[in-house]
Amino acid sequence: MGDYAFAAPPVVALASTSTKPFPVRRIFCVGQNYSAHAREMGSNPEVDPPFFFTKPADAIVANGASVPYPPGTSDFQHEVELVVAFSGGGSNIPADKVEELIFGYAVGLDMTRRDIQAAAKKKGRPWDMSKAFDFSAPCAAITPKAETGALVKGAIACKVNGKLRQSADLSDMTWKVPQIVQFLSALVEIRPGDLIFTGTPAGVGPVVPGDMIEATIEGLEPLTITITIG
């Protein structure tokens, strides 16, 4: 199994607050899952069902790290999100079975090249280069669900250089975690090691080199990153 054409990539793992590191398999993201943000992006959250996009596992950035300003954009934006980490999985998972599959929760940032995303939307093209680029998924350590219980409410916020930009409550999510997983698992099989970024509140905005982003969710380890020159 170890005889490859070149050295196999290392396992991507996230720290956990009280257990061994969590190996990351795939990253799924829910688009426009807070009503105010959906309207901010020009959508109707009362009509549109949840939709998903992905990031590569190696887009993960550990807490406290620096994130280089990415090439190809002049509008690099932050999106604070609740991240759900799975130790179980399956296909066509009923909503009432989802909680038993969750390993824990973390604070994440879905970093976005907004100008590239807008251009892709206008032409009906995929979002990959606006969402799935290097260093696009900063994430704090995972807090096991045994310590938090099921997270259904709690303050979620994002500050840039100490100034509040995003502020909401997890209960404001249009689609709650059990519904998200029910929808997603009807399309793909959820497996241990998968992460779901569950959407961001309104107030997203640009950052530049030198900015410090502080992302918080009540009861979880805060996430802090610094934007550097790419």
Protein backbone atom coordinates (compact mmCIF):
# COMPACT_ATOMS: atom_id res chain seq x y z
CA MET A 1 0.00 0.00 0.00
CA GLY A 2 2.97 2.33 0.49
CA ASP A 3 4.49 1.88 -2.98
CA TYR A 4 3.31 5.03 -4.77
CA ALA A 5 4.71 7.05 -7.67
CA PHE A 6 5.65 9.72 -5.13
CA ALA A 7 5.16 10.34 -1.40
CA ALA A 8 1.48 10.26 -0.47
CA PRO A 9 0.01 13.57 0.81
CA PRO A 10 -0.24 13.80 4.60
CA VAL A 11 -3.58 13.32 6.33
CA VAL A 12 -5.29 16.66 6.94
CA ALA A 13 -6.43 16.84 10.56
CA LEU A 14 -8.08 19.37 12.86
CA ALA A 15 -7.29 19.68 16.54
CA SER A 16 -9.93 18.62 19.02
CA THR A 17 -10.38 20.24 22.41
CA SER A 18 -10.38 16.98 24.36
CA THR A 19 -9.60 14.02 22.08
CA LYS A 20 -7.12 12.97 19.42
CA PRO A 21 -6.97 15.02 16.17
CA PHE A 22 -9.92 14.70 13.79
CA PRO A 23 -8.93 13.47 10.27
CA VAL A 24 -10.71 15.50 7.58
CA ARG A 25 -12.12 13.60 4.61
CA ARG A 26 -14.32 16.07 2.70
CA ILE A 27 -15.68 19.57 3.21
CA PHE A 28 -19.25 20.39 2.19
CA CYS A 29 -20.64 23.92 2.43
CA VAL A 30 -24.25 25.14 2.50
CA GLY A 31 -24.97 28.25 0.48
CA GLN A 32 -27.05 31.16 1.76
CA ASN A 33 -28.48 29.48 4.86
CA TYR A 34 -29.36 32.66 6.79
CA SER A 35 -32.28 34.68 5.43
CA ALA A 36 -30.58 38.07 5.72
CA HIS A 37 -27.46 36.83 3.95
CA ALA A 38 -29.52 35.13 1.22
CA ARG A 39 -31.23 38.45 0.55
CA GLU A 40 -27.83 40.16 0.73
CA MET A 41 -26.76 37.86 -2.12
CA GLY A 42 -29.97 38.41 -4.10
CA SER A 43 -31.79 35.14 -3.34
CA ASN A 44 -35.15 34.27 -1.78
CA PRO A 45 -34.61 31.99 1.26
CA GLU A 46 -38.33 31.30 1.58
CA VAL A 47 -38.42 29.56 -1.80
CA ASP A 48 -34.96 28.18 -2.56
CA PRO A 49 -34.02 24.74 -1.13
CA PRO A 50 -30.52 24.29 0.33
CA PHE A 51 -27.68 23.97 -2.15
CA PHE A 52 -24.12 22.79 -1.64
CA PHE A 53 -20.58 23.34 -2.84
CA THR A 54 -17.29 21.82 -1.69
CA LYS A 55 -13.78 22.71 -0.65
CA PRO A 56 -10.74 20.39 -0.69
CA ALA A 57 -9.64 19.01 2.67
CA ASP A 58 -6.24 20.67 2.32
CA ALA A 59 -7.90 24.11 2.22
CA ILE A 60 -8.07 23.80 6.03
CA VAL A 61 -6.09 26.44 7.96
CA ALA A 62 -5.42 25.94 11.66
CA ASN A 63 -6.42 28.42 14.33
CA GLY A 64 -4.01 31.30 14.79
CA ALA A 65 -2.39 30.92 11.38
CA SER A 66 -1.80 33.47 8.65
CA VAL A 67 -3.84 33.35 5.45
CA PRO A 68 -2.19 34.79 2.33
CA TYR A 69 -4.29 37.12 0.21
CA PRO A 70 -5.14 34.90 -2.78
CA PRO A 71 -4.22 35.68 -6.40
CA GLY A 72 -6.83 36.57 -9.00
CA THR A 73 -9.10 38.67 -6.78
CA SER A 74 -9.52 42.20 -5.52
CA ASP A 75 -12.50 41.35 -3.28
CA PHE A 76 -11.49 38.75 -0.67
CA GLN A 77 -14.29 38.27 1.88
CA HIS A 78 -14.96 36.56 5.23
CA GLU A 79 -17.93 34.34 6.10
CA VAL A 80 -18.17 32.99 9.66
CA GLU A 81 -19.87 29.59 9.93
CA LEU A 82 -20.74 26.77 12.31
CA VAL A 83 -18.79 23.68 11.23
CA VAL A 84 -20.25 20.24 11.96
CA ALA A 85 -17.81 17.29 12.12
CA PHE A 86 -18.99 13.71 11.59
CA SER A 87 -17.79 10.44 13.13
CA GLY A 88 -20.65 8.48 11.53
CA GLY A 89 -22.48 8.69 8.26
CA GLY A 90 -24.72 7.09 5.68
CA SER A 91 -27.06 7.82 2.80
CA ASN A 92 -30.64 9.10 3.03
CA ILE A 93 -30.20 9.85 6.72
CA PRO A 94 -33.48 10.72 8.49
CA ALA A 95 -33.37 14.06 10.29
CA ASP A 96 -34.06 12.41 13.65
CA LYS A 97 -30.92 10.21 13.26
CA VAL A 98 -28.45 12.97 12.45
CA GLU A 99 -27.39 13.93 15.99
CA GLU A 100 -26.00 10.48 16.77
CA LEU A 101 -23.58 10.78 13.83
CA ILE A 102 -22.03 14.10 14.89
CA PHE A 103 -18.56 14.09 16.46
CA GLY A 104 -18.53 17.77 17.34
CA TYR A 105 -18.60 21.41 16.28
CA ALA A 106 -16.15 24.17 15.42
CA VAL A 107 -15.96 27.77 14.27
CA GLY A 108 -14.98 28.11 10.61
CA LEU A 109 -14.50 30.78 7.96
CA ASP A 110 -15.60 30.24 4.38
CA MET A 111 -13.13 32.62 2.72
CA THR A 112 -14.42 33.75 -0.67
CA ARG A 113 -13.13 35.48 -3.79
CA ARG A 114 -16.35 37.47 -4.15
CA ASP A 115 -15.58 39.05 -7.51
CA ILE A 116 -14.79 35.66 -9.05
CA GLN A 117 -17.99 34.24 -7.54
CA ALA A 118 -20.07 37.10 -8.95
CA ALA A 119 -18.59 36.62 -12.42
CA ALA A 120 -19.27 32.86 -12.27
CA LYS A 121 -22.86 33.43 -11.18
CA LYS A 122 -23.45 35.87 -14.02
CA LYS A 123 -22.25 33.33 -16.58
CA GLY A 124 -23.84 30.31 -14.91
CA ARG A 125 -20.44 28.73 -14.26
CA PRO A 126 -19.21 26.68 -11.27
CA TRP A 127 -18.05 28.47 -8.11
CA ASP A 128 -14.91 26.36 -7.58
CA MET A 129 -12.29 29.05 -8.05
CA SER A 130 -14.21 31.45 -5.80
CA LYS A 131 -14.59 28.97 -2.93
CA ALA A 132 -12.25 25.98 -3.24
CA PHE A 133 -8.85 27.65 -3.41
CA ASP A 134 -5.80 27.26 -1.15
CA PHE A 135 -6.21 28.41 2.49
CA SER A 136 -9.95 29.02 2.00
CA ALA A 137 -11.20 27.05 5.05
CA PRO A 138 -9.76 28.33 8.36
CA CYS A 139 -11.16 26.31 11.25
CA ALA A 140 -10.74 26.28 15.03
CA ALA A 141 -10.41 23.11 17.09
CA ILE A 142 -13.44 20.85 17.20
CA THR A 143 -15.34 20.70 20.48
CA PRO A 144 -16.86 17.21 20.89
CA LYS A 145 -20.64 17.10 21.03
CA ALA A 146 -20.36 15.28 24.36
CA GLU A 147 -19.27 18.65 25.80
CA THR A 148 -21.74 20.92 24.01
CA GLY A 149 -24.86 18.89 23.35
CA ALA A 150 -26.66 19.56 20.07
CA LEU A 151 -25.99 23.14 18.97
CA VAL A 152 -29.30 24.67 17.91
CA LYS A 153 -28.82 28.20 19.22
CA GLY A 154 -26.06 30.52 20.34
CA ALA A 155 -24.43 33.75 19.24
CA ILE A 156 -22.33 33.68 16.06
CA ALA A 157 -20.18 36.69 15.17
CA CYS A 158 -17.22 37.95 13.15
CA LYS A 159 -14.99 40.94 13.87
CA VAL A 160 -12.30 42.45 11.66
CA ASN A 161 -9.66 44.44 13.52
CA GLY A 162 -11.99 44.49 16.52
CA LYS A 163 -14.95 45.93 14.59
CA LEU A 164 -18.12 43.82 14.53
CA ARG A 165 -19.26 42.91 11.02
CA GLN A 166 -21.42 39.79 11.39
CA SER A 167 -23.75 39.05 14.31
CA ALA A 168 -26.61 36.57 14.50
CA ASP A 169 -27.79 33.43 16.28
CA LEU A 170 -27.49 29.83 15.13
CA SER A 171 -31.25 29.58 15.49
CA ASP A 172 -31.51 32.01 12.56
CA MET A 173 -30.38 29.33 10.11
CA THR A 174 -33.04 28.66 7.48
CA TRP A 175 -32.17 24.97 7.28
CA LYS A 176 -31.15 23.43 10.63
CA VAL A 177 -28.37 20.85 10.90
CA PRO A 178 -30.65 17.77 10.79
CA GLN A 179 -32.39 19.10 7.66
CA ILE A 180 -29.07 19.99 6.01
CA VAL A 181 -27.75 16.47 6.54
CA GLN A 182 -31.02 14.90 5.37
CA PHE A 183 -30.84 16.90 2.12
CA LEU A 184 -27.13 16.31 1.56
CA SER A 185 -27.17 12.59 2.35
CA ALA A 186 -29.84 12.12 -0.33
CA LEU A 187 -27.24 13.32 -2.84
CA VAL A 188 -23.98 11.83 -1.50
CA GLU A 189 -22.98 9.43 1.25
CA ILE A 190 -21.82 11.16 4.43
CA ARG A 191 -18.80 9.42 5.97
CA PRO A 192 -16.64 9.77 9.09
CA GLY A 193 -14.23 12.66 8.70
CA ASP A 194 -16.62 14.82 6.70
CA LEU A 195 -17.21 18.44 7.64
CA ILE A 196 -20.21 20.61 6.82
CA PHE A 197 -19.89 24.41 6.88
CA THR A 198 -23.49 25.41 7.57
CA GLY A 199 -23.77 28.89 6.07
CA THR A 200 -23.06 32.46 7.15
CA PRO A 201 -25.10 35.39 8.52
CA ALA A 202 -25.38 38.76 6.80
CA GLY A 203 -22.56 41.27 7.02
CA VAL A 204 -19.90 39.61 4.90
CA GLY A 205 -17.25 41.99 3.63
CA PRO A 206 -13.74 42.43 2.25
CA VAL A 207 -10.44 42.01 4.06
CA VAL A 208 -6.94 43.12 3.09
CA PRO A 209 -3.39 42.21 4.17
CA GLY A 210 -2.82 43.18 7.78
CA ASP A 211 -6.41 42.55 8.86
CA MET A 212 -7.10 40.27 11.83
CA ILE A 213 -10.34 38.26 11.72
CA GLU A 214 -11.94 37.00 14.94
CA ALA A 215 -14.77 34.51 14.47
CA THR A 216 -16.80 33.28 17.43
CA ILE A 217 -19.69 30.97 18.28
CA GLU A 218 -21.01 30.73 21.82
CA GLY A 219 -19.56 27.69 23.60
CA LEU A 220 -16.83 26.92 21.03
CA GLU A 221 -13.15 27.79 20.72
CA PRO A 222 -12.79 31.18 18.98
CA LEU A 223 -11.02 31.34 15.62
CA THR A 224 -8.45 34.02 14.83
CA ILE A 225 -6.48 34.47 11.61
CA THR A 226 -4.40 37.23 10.08
CA ILE A 227 -4.44 38.13 6.38
CA THR A 228 -0.96 38.51 4.90
CA ILE A 229 0.42 39.56 1.52
CA GLY A 230 0.10 36.63 -0.87
